[in-house]
Amino acid sequence: PGPETPSALLLTVEGGGDDPRATLLVCGPAGGLHPDPATACRLVARVDGHLDALDVRPGPCTREYAPVTARAVGFWQDRPIAYTRTFDNRCELRRGTDALFDF
């Protein structure tokens, strides 16, 4: 499942000792520059664009503190999206958002 209306999100990740990265995710149909747009669109559709509700892969992570900030701005179903969340490390980012910020 995906959005009924074409949707687009600019996704960025910065911190954790790496250079900042960004990509464009387009859904309805899935596309853009994201390496796995179909999976990423399904994740966003599952929470109807409310990215704070994502918590998809529970499990252990190292206790390493290397903060990583994930951001998403754009539109989902004609609704503006503005999401920012800082995770303790890349593992926590991956556990909390799965493939959405995996680029």
PDB file of N, CA and C in Angstrom:
ATOM      1  N   PRO A   1       0.818  -1.209   0.000  1.00  0.00           N
ATOM      2  CA  PRO A   1       0.000   0.000   0.000  1.00  0.00           C
ATOM      3  C   PRO A   1       0.846   1.251   0.000  1.00  0.00           C
ATOM      4  N   GLY A   2       0.338   2.271  -0.589  1.00  0.00           N
ATOM      5  CA  GLY A   2       1.043   3.532  -0.651  1.00  0.00           C
ATOM      6  C   GLY A   2       0.054   4.669  -0.612  1.00  0.00           C
ATOM      7  N   PRO A   3       0.514   5.871  -0.822  1.00  0.00           N
ATOM      8  CA  PRO A   3      -0.377   7.012  -0.757  1.00  0.00           C
ATOM      9  C   PRO A   3      -1.293   7.067  -1.979  1.00  0.00           C
ATOM     10  N   GLU A   4      -2.473   7.628  -1.790  1.00  0.00           N
ATOM     11  CA  GLU A   4      -3.381   7.829  -2.906  1.00  0.00           C
ATOM     12  C   GLU A   4      -2.939   9.025  -3.732  1.00  0.00           C
ATOM     13  N   THR A   5      -2.334  10.003  -3.098  1.00  0.00           N
ATOM     14  CA  THR A   5      -1.838  11.202  -3.746  1.00  0.00           C
ATOM     15  C   THR A   5      -0.319  11.114  -3.797  1.00  0.00           C
ATOM     16  N   PRO A   6       0.311  11.470  -4.917  1.00  0.00           N
ATOM     17  CA  PRO A   6       1.776  11.446  -4.940  1.00  0.00           C
ATOM     18  C   PRO A   6       2.350  12.240  -3.769  1.00  0.00           C
ATOM     19  N   SER A   7       3.362  11.674  -3.147  1.00  0.00           N
ATOM     20  CA  SER A   7       3.981  12.262  -1.970  1.00  0.00           C
ATOM     21  C   SER A   7       5.484  12.300  -2.159  1.00  0.00           C
ATOM     22  N   ALA A   8       6.131  13.289  -1.562  1.00  0.00           N
ATOM     23  CA  ALA A   8       7.585  13.420  -1.691  1.00  0.00           C
ATOM     24  C   ALA A   8       8.179  13.883  -0.376  1.00  0.00           C
ATOM     25  N   LEU A   9       9.286  13.255   0.008  1.00  0.00           N
ATOM     26  CA  LEU A   9      10.003  13.606   1.232  1.00  0.00           C
ATOM     27  C   LEU A   9      11.485  13.757   0.933  1.00  0.00           C
ATOM     28  N   LEU A  10      12.074  14.829   1.430  1.00  0.00           N
ATOM     29  CA  LEU A  10      13.520  14.991   1.413  1.00  0.00           C
ATOM     30  C   LEU A  10      14.017  14.437   2.739  1.00  0.00           C
ATOM     31  N   LEU A  11      14.858  13.403   2.673  1.00  0.00           N
ATOM     32  CA  LEU A  11      15.375  12.730   3.860  1.00  0.00           C
ATOM     33  C   LEU A  11      16.846  13.078   4.042  1.00  0.00           C
ATOM     34  N   THR A  12      17.249  13.417   5.256  1.00  0.00           N
ATOM     35  CA  THR A  12      18.651  13.693   5.539  1.00  0.00           C
ATOM     36  C   THR A  12      19.081  12.960   6.804  1.00  0.00           C
ATOM     37  N   VAL A  13      20.357  12.627   6.853  1.00  0.00           N
ATOM     38  CA  VAL A  13      20.968  12.000   8.030  1.00  0.00           C
ATOM     39  C   VAL A  13      22.304  12.684   8.240  1.00  0.00           C
ATOM     40  N   GLU A  14      22.565  13.105   9.479  1.00  0.00           N
ATOM     41  CA  GLU A  14      23.861  13.703   9.786  1.00  0.00           C
ATOM     42  C   GLU A  14      24.322  13.293  11.166  1.00  0.00           C
ATOM     43  N   GLY A  15      25.626  13.216  11.317  1.00  0.00           N
ATOM     44  CA  GLY A  15      26.212  12.844  12.598  1.00  0.00           C
ATOM     45  C   GLY A  15      26.795  11.454  12.560  1.00  0.00           C
ATOM     46  N   GLY A  16      27.165  10.955  13.710  1.00  0.00           N
ATOM     47  CA  GLY A  16      27.741   9.622  13.800  1.00  0.00           C
ATOM     48  C   GLY A  16      29.120   9.507  13.187  1.00  0.00           C
ATOM     49  N   GLY A  17      29.773  10.645  12.955  1.00  0.00           N
ATOM     50  CA  GLY A  17      31.128  10.613  12.408  1.00  0.00           C
ATOM     51  C   GLY A  17      31.186  10.549  10.893  1.00  0.00           C
ATOM     52  N   ASP A  18      30.047  10.531  10.217  1.00  0.00           N
ATOM     53  CA  ASP A  18      30.027  10.481   8.751  1.00  0.00           C
ATOM     54  C   ASP A  18      29.600  11.829   8.189  1.00  0.00           C
ATOM     55  N   ASP A  19      29.858  12.018   6.887  1.00  0.00           N
ATOM     56  CA  ASP A  19      29.393  13.222   6.215  1.00  0.00           C
ATOM     57  C   ASP A  19      27.868  13.204   6.137  1.00  0.00           C
ATOM     58  N   PRO A  20      27.235  14.372   6.151  1.00  0.00           N
ATOM     59  CA  PRO A  20      25.779  14.420   5.998  1.00  0.00           C
ATOM     60  C   PRO A  20      25.359  13.808   4.658  1.00  0.00           C
ATOM     61  N   ARG A  21      24.195  13.134   4.675  1.00  0.00           N
ATOM     62  CA  ARG A  21      23.675  12.511   3.455  1.00  0.00           C
ATOM     63  C   ARG A  21      22.229  12.942   3.268  1.00  0.00           C
ATOM     64  N   ALA A  22      21.784  12.940   2.013  1.00  0.00           N
ATOM     65  CA  ALA A  22      20.398  13.304   1.712  1.00  0.00           C
ATOM     66  C   ALA A  22      19.918  12.506   0.516  1.00  0.00           C
ATOM     67  N   THR A  23      18.609  12.292   0.464  1.00  0.00           N
ATOM     68  CA  THR A  23      18.003  11.630  -0.683  1.00  0.00           C
ATOM     69  C   THR A  23      16.554  12.078  -0.794  1.00  0.00           C
ATOM     70  N   LEU A  24      15.974  11.839  -1.959  1.00  0.00           N
ATOM     71  CA  LEU A  24      14.580  12.173  -2.208  1.00  0.00           C
ATOM     72  C   LEU A  24      13.780  10.886  -2.317  1.00  0.00           C
ATOM     73  N   LEU A  25      12.687  10.812  -1.560  1.00  0.00           N
ATOM     74  CA  LEU A  25      11.779   9.676  -1.623  1.00  0.00           C
ATOM     75  C   LEU A  25      10.464  10.156  -2.210  1.00  0.00           C
ATOM     76  N   VAL A  26      10.037   9.515  -3.286  1.00  0.00           N
ATOM     77  CA  VAL A  26       8.752   9.817  -3.909  1.00  0.00           C
ATOM     78  C   VAL A  26       7.889   8.572  -3.781  1.00  0.00           C
ATOM     79  N   CYS A  27       6.640   8.754  -3.389  1.00  0.00           N
ATOM     80  CA  CYS A  27       5.713   7.627  -3.239  1.00  0.00           C
ATOM     81  C   CYS A  27       4.441   7.933  -4.012  1.00  0.00           C
ATOM     82  N   GLY A  28       3.855   6.894  -4.579  1.00  0.00           N
ATOM     83  CA  GLY A  28       2.595   7.015  -5.295  1.00  0.00           C
ATOM     84  C   GLY A  28       2.748   7.449  -6.737  1.00  0.00           C
ATOM     85  N   PRO A  29       3.577   6.782  -7.550  1.00  0.00           N
ATOM     86  CA  PRO A  29       4.303   5.535  -7.335  1.00  0.00           C
ATOM     87  C   PRO A  29       5.663   5.747  -6.661  1.00  0.00           C
ATOM     88  N   ALA A  30       6.214   4.633  -6.152  1.00  0.00           N
ATOM     89  CA  ALA A  30       7.505   4.675  -5.453  1.00  0.00           C
ATOM     90  C   ALA A  30       8.620   5.023  -6.426  1.00  0.00           C
ATOM     91  N   GLY A  31       9.489   5.916  -5.992  1.00  0.00           N
ATOM     92  CA  GLY A  31      10.609   6.310  -6.836  1.00  0.00           C
ATOM     93  C   GLY A  31      11.472   7.322  -6.113  1.00  0.00           C
ATOM     94  N   GLY A  32      12.086   8.179  -6.882  1.00  0.00           N
ATOM     95  CA  GLY A  32      13.015   9.162  -6.327  1.00  0.00           C
ATOM     96  C   GLY A  32      14.417   8.596  -6.324  1.00  0.00           C
ATOM     97  N   LEU A  33      15.263   9.128  -5.474  1.00  0.00           N
ATOM     98  CA  LEU A  33      16.667   8.725  -5.416  1.00  0.00           C
ATOM     99  C   LEU A  33      16.963   7.742  -4.295  1.00  0.00           C
ATOM    100  N   HIS A  34      15.983   7.427  -3.471  1.00  0.00           N
ATOM    101  CA  HIS A  34      16.172   6.480  -2.367  1.00  0.00           C
ATOM    102  C   HIS A  34      16.548   5.110  -2.938  1.00  0.00           C
ATOM    103  N   PRO A  35      17.510   4.395  -2.332  1.00  0.00           N
ATOM    104  CA  PRO A  35      17.925   3.091  -2.880  1.00  0.00           C
ATOM    105  C   PRO A  35      16.861   1.998  -2.799  1.00  0.00           C
ATOM    106  N   ASP A  36      15.888   2.115  -1.903  1.00  0.00           N
ATOM    107  CA  ASP A  36      14.813   1.121  -1.787  1.00  0.00           C
ATOM    108  C   ASP A  36      13.483   1.861  -1.584  1.00  0.00           C
ATOM    109  N   PRO A  37      13.000   2.549  -2.625  1.00  0.00           N
ATOM    110  CA  PRO A  37      11.817   3.385  -2.442  1.00  0.00           C
ATOM    111  C   PRO A  37      10.552   2.602  -2.101  1.00  0.00           C
ATOM    112  N   ALA A  38      10.396   1.394  -2.616  1.00  0.00           N
ATOM    113  CA  ALA A  38       9.183   0.618  -2.324  1.00  0.00           C
ATOM    114  C   ALA A  38       9.078   0.307  -0.838  1.00  0.00           C
ATOM    115  N   THR A  39      10.168  -0.148  -0.234  1.00  0.00           N
ATOM    116  CA  THR A  39      10.168  -0.462   1.195  1.00  0.00           C
ATOM    117  C   THR A  39       9.973   0.808   2.019  1.00  0.00           C
ATOM    118  N   ALA A  40      10.687   1.873   1.656  1.00  0.00           N
ATOM    119  CA  ALA A  40      10.581   3.130   2.397  1.00  0.00           C
ATOM    120  C   ALA A  40       9.153   3.690   2.322  1.00  0.00           C
ATOM    121  N   CYS A  41       8.518   3.615   1.150  1.00  0.00           N
ATOM    122  CA  CYS A  41       7.139   4.102   1.006  1.00  0.00           C
ATOM    123  C   CYS A  41       6.177   3.271   1.847  1.00  0.00           C
ATOM    124  N   ARG A  42       6.392   1.967   1.893  1.00  0.00           N
ATOM    125  CA  ARG A  42       5.542   1.116   2.726  1.00  0.00           C
ATOM    126  C   ARG A  42       5.669   1.497   4.204  1.00  0.00           C
ATOM    127  N   LEU A  43       6.891   1.797   4.647  1.00  0.00           N
ATOM    128  CA  LEU A  43       7.100   2.195   6.046  1.00  0.00           C
ATOM    129  C   LEU A  43       6.340   3.478   6.371  1.00  0.00           C
ATOM    130  N   VAL A  44       6.423   4.453   5.485  1.00  0.00           N
ATOM    131  CA  VAL A  44       5.742   5.727   5.718  1.00  0.00           C
ATOM    132  C   VAL A  44       4.225   5.531   5.645  1.00  0.00           C
ATOM    133  N   ALA A  45       3.776   4.700   4.718  1.00  0.00           N
ATOM    134  CA  ALA A  45       2.336   4.428   4.583  1.00  0.00           C
ATOM    135  C   ALA A  45       1.794   3.725   5.825  1.00  0.00           C
ATOM    136  N   ARG A  46       2.592   2.847   6.402  1.00  0.00           N
ATOM    137  CA  ARG A  46       2.157   2.101   7.593  1.00  0.00           C
ATOM    138  C   ARG A  46       1.782   3.033   8.739  1.00  0.00           C
ATOM    139  N   VAL A  47       2.467   4.182   8.839  1.00  0.00           N
ATOM    140  CA  VAL A  47       2.174   5.144   9.911  1.00  0.00           C
ATOM    141  C   VAL A  47       1.483   6.394   9.351  1.00  0.00           C
ATOM    142  N   ASP A  48       0.993   6.303   8.118  1.00  0.00           N
ATOM    143  CA  ASP A  48       0.263   7.383   7.443  1.00  0.00           C
ATOM    144  C   ASP A  48       1.003   8.716   7.547  1.00  0.00           C
ATOM    145  N   GLY A  49       2.309   8.676   7.370  1.00  0.00           N
ATOM    146  CA  GLY A  49       3.119   9.887   7.374  1.00  0.00           C
ATOM    147  C   GLY A  49       3.516  10.395   8.742  1.00  0.00           C
ATOM    148  N   HIS A  50       3.043   9.775   9.801  1.00  0.00           N
ATOM    149  CA  HIS A  50       3.397  10.193  11.162  1.00  0.00           C
ATOM    150  C   HIS A  50       4.679   9.465  11.577  1.00  0.00           C
ATOM    151  N   LEU A  51       5.806   9.988  11.147  1.00  0.00           N
ATOM    152  CA  LEU A  51       7.089   9.295  11.308  1.00  0.00           C
ATOM    153  C   LEU A  51       7.477   9.089  12.769  1.00  0.00           C
ATOM    154  N   ASP A  52       6.959   9.888  13.683  1.00  0.00           N
ATOM    155  CA  ASP A  52       7.245   9.667  15.098  1.00  0.00           C
ATOM    156  C   ASP A  52       6.701   8.328  15.582  1.00  0.00           C
ATOM    157  N   ALA A  53       5.756   7.761  14.862  1.00  0.00           N
ATOM    158  CA  ALA A  53       5.165   6.472  15.242  1.00  0.00           C
ATOM    159  C   ALA A  53       6.005   5.284  14.774  1.00  0.00           C
ATOM    160  N   LEU A  54       7.033   5.522  13.966  1.00  0.00           N
ATOM    161  CA  LEU A  54       7.889   4.421  13.512  1.00  0.00           C
ATOM    162  C   LEU A  54       8.660   3.816  14.679  1.00  0.00           C
ATOM    163  N   ASP A  55       8.662   2.529  14.766  1.00  0.00           N
ATOM    164  CA  ASP A  55       9.472   1.767  15.718  1.00  0.00           C
ATOM    165  C   ASP A  55       9.408   0.340  15.215  1.00  0.00           C
ATOM    166  N   VAL A  56      10.178   0.059  14.194  1.00  0.00           N
ATOM    167  CA  VAL A  56       9.927  -1.137  13.394  1.00  0.00           C
ATOM    168  C   VAL A  56      10.794  -2.346  13.677  1.00  0.00           C
ATOM    169  N   ARG A  57      11.967  -2.175  14.235  1.00  0.00           N
ATOM    170  CA  ARG A  57      12.864  -3.312  14.424  1.00  0.00           C
ATOM    171  C   ARG A  57      13.431  -3.313  15.831  1.00  0.00           C
ATOM    172  N   PRO A  58      12.652  -3.746  16.807  1.00  0.00           N
ATOM    173  CA  PRO A  58      13.187  -3.765  18.166  1.00  0.00           C
ATOM    174  C   PRO A  58      14.356  -4.741  18.283  1.00  0.00           C
ATOM    175  N   GLY A  59      15.241  -4.451  19.162  1.00  0.00           N
ATOM    176  CA  GLY A  59      16.379  -5.332  19.393  1.00  0.00           C
ATOM    177  C   GLY A  59      17.521  -4.574  20.034  1.00  0.00           C
ATOM    178  N   PRO A  60      18.551  -5.281  20.409  1.00  0.00           N
ATOM    179  CA  PRO A  60      19.666  -4.648  21.115  1.00  0.00           C
ATOM    180  C   PRO A  60      20.578  -3.856  20.181  1.00  0.00           C
ATOM    181  N   CYS A  61      21.173  -2.820  20.723  1.00  0.00           N
ATOM    182  CA  CYS A  61      22.205  -2.037  20.044  1.00  0.00           C
ATOM    183  C   CYS A  61      23.346  -1.832  21.032  1.00  0.00           C
ATOM    184  N   THR A  62      24.495  -1.458  20.519  1.00  0.00           N
ATOM    185  CA  THR A  62      25.630  -1.145  21.387  1.00  0.00           C
ATOM    186  C   THR A  62      25.318   0.114  22.181  1.00  0.00           C
ATOM    187  N   ARG A  63      26.029   0.328  23.232  1.00  0.00           N
ATOM    188  CA  ARG A  63      25.816   1.507  24.078  1.00  0.00           C
ATOM    189  C   ARG A  63      26.652   2.689  23.603  1.00  0.00           C
ATOM    190  N   GLU A  64      27.285   2.565  22.469  1.00  0.00           N
ATOM    191  CA  GLU A  64      28.108   3.633  21.899  1.00  0.00           C
ATOM    192  C   GLU A  64      27.277   4.901  21.710  1.00  0.00           C
ATOM    193  N   TYR A  65      27.852   6.040  22.081  1.00  0.00           N
ATOM    194  CA  TYR A  65      27.162   7.308  21.897  1.00  0.00           C
ATOM    195  C   TYR A  65      27.823   8.062  20.754  1.00  0.00           C
ATOM    196  N   ALA A  66      27.175   8.031  19.615  1.00  0.00           N
ATOM    197  CA  ALA A  66      27.609   8.752  18.419  1.00  0.00           C
ATOM    198  C   ALA A  66      26.330   9.274  17.765  1.00  0.00           C
ATOM    199  N   PRO A  67      25.773  10.382  18.274  1.00  0.00           N
ATOM    200  CA  PRO A  67      24.451  10.842  17.866  1.00  0.00           C
ATOM    201  C   PRO A  67      24.297  11.013  16.353  1.00  0.00           C
ATOM    202  N   VAL A  68      23.136  10.601  15.877  1.00  0.00           N
ATOM    203  CA  VAL A  68      22.775  10.692  14.468  1.00  0.00           C
ATOM    204  C   VAL A  68      21.394  11.348  14.407  1.00  0.00           C
ATOM    205  N   THR A  69      21.267  12.394  13.602  1.00  0.00           N
ATOM    206  CA  THR A  69      19.992  13.091  13.466  1.00  0.00           C
ATOM    207  C   THR A  69      19.383  12.791  12.106  1.00  0.00           C
ATOM    208  N   ALA A  70      18.149  12.323  12.129  1.00  0.00           N
ATOM    209  CA  ALA A  70      17.396  12.036  10.909  1.00  0.00           C
ATOM    210  C   ALA A  70      16.320  13.111  10.753  1.00  0.00           C
ATOM    211  N   ARG A  71      16.178  13.602   9.511  1.00  0.00           N
ATOM    212  CA  ARG A  71      15.157  14.606   9.222  1.00  0.00           C
ATOM    213  C   ARG A  71      14.384  14.212   7.971  1.00  0.00           C
ATOM    214  N   ALA A  72      13.116  14.569   7.957  1.00  0.00           N
ATOM    215  CA  ALA A  72      12.286  14.397   6.767  1.00  0.00           C
ATOM    216  C   ALA A  72      11.411  15.635   6.629  1.00  0.00           C
ATOM    217  N   VAL A  73      11.401  16.218   5.455  1.00  0.00           N
ATOM    218  CA  VAL A  73      10.517  17.349   5.157  1.00  0.00           C
ATOM    219  C   VAL A  73       9.878  17.102   3.803  1.00  0.00           C
ATOM    220  N   GLY A  74       8.652  17.507   3.673  1.00  0.00           N
ATOM    221  CA  GLY A  74       7.960  17.342   2.408  1.00  0.00           C
ATOM    222  C   GLY A  74       6.470  17.214   2.627  1.00  0.00           C
ATOM    223  N   PHE A  75       5.841  16.391   1.776  1.00  0.00           N
ATOM    224  CA  PHE A  75       4.393  16.213   1.832  1.00  0.00           C
ATOM    225  C   PHE A  75       4.032  14.741   1.762  1.00  0.00           C
ATOM    226  N   TRP A  76       3.071  14.349   2.564  1.00  0.00           N
ATOM    227  CA  TRP A  76       2.488  13.006   2.522  1.00  0.00           C
ATOM    228  C   TRP A  76       0.977  13.190   2.407  1.00  0.00           C
ATOM    229  N   GLN A  77       0.394  12.701   1.329  1.00  0.00           N
ATOM    230  CA  GLN A  77      -1.054  12.844   1.103  1.00  0.00           C
ATOM    231  C   GLN A  77      -1.484  14.308   1.215  1.00  0.00           C
ATOM    232  N   ASP A  78      -0.693  15.206   0.643  1.00  0.00           N
ATOM    233  CA  ASP A  78      -0.977  16.651   0.671  1.00  0.00           C
ATOM    234  C   ASP A  78      -0.856  17.272   2.053  1.00  0.00           C
ATOM    235  N   ARG A  79      -0.355  16.534   3.055  1.00  0.00           N
ATOM    236  CA  ARG A  79      -0.114  17.080   4.392  1.00  0.00           C
ATOM    237  C   ARG A  79       1.378  17.375   4.531  1.00  0.00           C
ATOM    238  N   PRO A  80       1.734  18.529   5.077  1.00  0.00           N
ATOM    239  CA  PRO A  80       3.151  18.816   5.290  1.00  0.00           C
ATOM    240  C   PRO A  80       3.744  17.887   6.352  1.00  0.00           C
ATOM    241  N   ILE A  81       4.959  17.462   6.115  1.00  0.00           N
ATOM    242  CA  ILE A  81       5.701  16.612   7.050  1.00  0.00           C
ATOM    243  C   ILE A  81       6.967  17.364   7.466  1.00  0.00           C
ATOM    244  N   ALA A  82       7.218  17.425   8.752  1.00  0.00           N
ATOM    245  CA  ALA A  82       8.458  17.980   9.292  1.00  0.00           C
ATOM    246  C   ALA A  82       8.846  17.092  10.471  1.00  0.00           C
ATOM    247  N   TYR A  83       9.847  16.239  10.261  1.00  0.00           N
ATOM    248  CA  TYR A  83      10.260  15.257  11.265  1.00  0.00           C
ATOM    249  C   TYR A  83      11.739  15.451  11.559  1.00  0.00           C
ATOM    250  N   THR A  84      12.093  15.491  12.817  1.00  0.00           N
ATOM    251  CA  THR A  84      13.491  15.514  13.249  1.00  0.00           C
ATOM    252  C   THR A  84      13.592  14.655  14.498  1.00  0.00           C
ATOM    253  N   ARG A  85      14.560  13.736  14.477  1.00  0.00           N
ATOM    254  CA  ARG A  85      14.790  12.910  15.663  1.00  0.00           C
ATOM    255  C   ARG A  85      16.271  12.564  15.738  1.00  0.00           C
ATOM    256  N   THR A  86      16.825  12.664  16.932  1.00  0.00           N
ATOM    257  CA  THR A  86      18.219  12.300  17.148  1.00  0.00           C
ATOM    258  C   THR A  86      18.269  10.967  17.880  1.00  0.00           C
ATOM    259  N   PHE A  87      19.044  10.050  17.318  1.00  0.00           N
ATOM    260  CA  PHE A  87      19.241   8.712  17.878  1.00  0.00           C
ATOM    261  C   PHE A  87      20.637   8.647  18.482  1.00  0.00           C
ATOM    262  N   ASP A  88      20.837   7.774  19.471  1.00  0.00           N
ATOM    263  CA  ASP A  88      22.141   7.667  20.138  1.00  0.00           C
ATOM    264  C   ASP A  88      23.245   7.191  19.206  1.00  0.00           C
ATOM    265  N   ASN A  89      22.913   6.378  18.197  1.00  0.00           N
ATOM    266  CA  ASN A  89      23.906   5.873  17.243  1.00  0.00           C
ATOM    267  C   ASN A  89      23.193   5.324  16.008  1.00  0.00           C
ATOM    268  N   ARG A  90      23.959   4.897  15.012  1.00  0.00           N
ATOM    269  CA  ARG A  90      23.374   4.403  13.761  1.00  0.00           C
ATOM    270  C   ARG A  90      22.525   3.152  13.964  1.00  0.00           C
ATOM    271  N   CYS A  91      22.908   2.304  14.880  1.00  0.00           N
ATOM    272  CA  CYS A  91      22.119   1.098  15.156  1.00  0.00           C
ATOM    273  C   CYS A  91      20.725   1.486  15.637  1.00  0.00           C
ATOM    274  N   GLU A  92      20.643   2.460  16.536  1.00  0.00           N
ATOM    275  CA  GLU A  92      19.343   2.900  17.036  1.00  0.00           C
ATOM    276  C   GLU A  92      18.514   3.520  15.917  1.00  0.00           C
ATOM    277  N   LEU A  93      19.169   4.255  15.024  1.00  0.00           N
ATOM    278  CA  LEU A  93      18.484   4.818  13.852  1.00  0.00           C
ATOM    279  C   LEU A  93      17.885   3.703  13.006  1.00  0.00           C
ATOM    280  N   ARG A  94      18.677   2.705  12.720  1.00  0.00           N
ATOM    281  CA  ARG A  94      18.215   1.579  11.898  1.00  0.00           C
ATOM    282  C   ARG A  94      17.090   0.810  12.599  1.00  0.00           C
ATOM    283  N   ARG A  95      17.215   0.600  13.897  1.00  0.00           N
ATOM    284  CA  ARG A  95      16.172  -0.115  14.648  1.00  0.00           C
ATOM    285  C   ARG A  95      14.865   0.678  14.652  1.00  0.00           C
ATOM    286  N   GLY A  96      14.964   1.970  14.748  1.00  0.00           N
ATOM    287  CA  GLY A  96      13.768   2.793  14.854  1.00  0.00           C
ATOM    288  C   GLY A  96      13.092   3.124  13.542  1.00  0.00           C
ATOM    289  N   THR A  97      13.867   3.110  12.430  1.00  0.00           N
ATOM    290  CA  THR A  97      13.290   3.565  11.156  1.00  0.00           C
ATOM    291  C   THR A  97      13.482   2.561  10.014  1.00  0.00           C
ATOM    292  N   ASP A  98      14.117   1.429  10.277  1.00  0.00           N
ATOM    293  CA  ASP A  98      14.353   0.387   9.262  1.00  0.00           C
ATOM    294  C   ASP A  98      15.027   0.980   8.038  1.00  0.00           C
ATOM    295  N   ALA A  99      14.469   0.792   6.860  1.00  0.00           N
ATOM    296  CA  ALA A  99      15.116   1.209   5.611  1.00  0.00           C
ATOM    297  C   ALA A  99      14.861   2.666   5.248  1.00  0.00           C
ATOM    298  N   LEU A 100      14.014   3.364   5.993  1.00  0.00           N
ATOM    299  CA  LEU A 100      13.664   4.729   5.605  1.00  0.00           C
ATOM    300  C   LEU A 100      14.880   5.632   5.508  1.00  0.00           C
ATOM    301  N   PHE A 101      15.759   5.598   6.492  1.00  0.00           N
ATOM    302  CA  PHE A 101      16.949   6.463   6.484  1.00  0.00           C
ATOM    303  C   PHE A 101      18.216   5.645   6.176  1.00  0.00           C
ATOM    304  N   ASP A 102      18.075   4.549   5.487  1.00  0.00           N
ATOM    305  CA  ASP A 102      19.202   3.690   5.125  1.00  0.00           C
ATOM    306  C   ASP A 102      19.636   4.014   3.698  1.00  0.00           C
ATOM    307  N   PHE A 103      20.464   5.038   3.578  1.00  0.00           N
ATOM    308  CA  PHE A 103      20.970   5.442   2.259  1.00  0.00           C
ATOM    309  C   PHE A 103      22.353   6.048   2.394  1.00  0.00           C
TER     310      PHE A 103
END
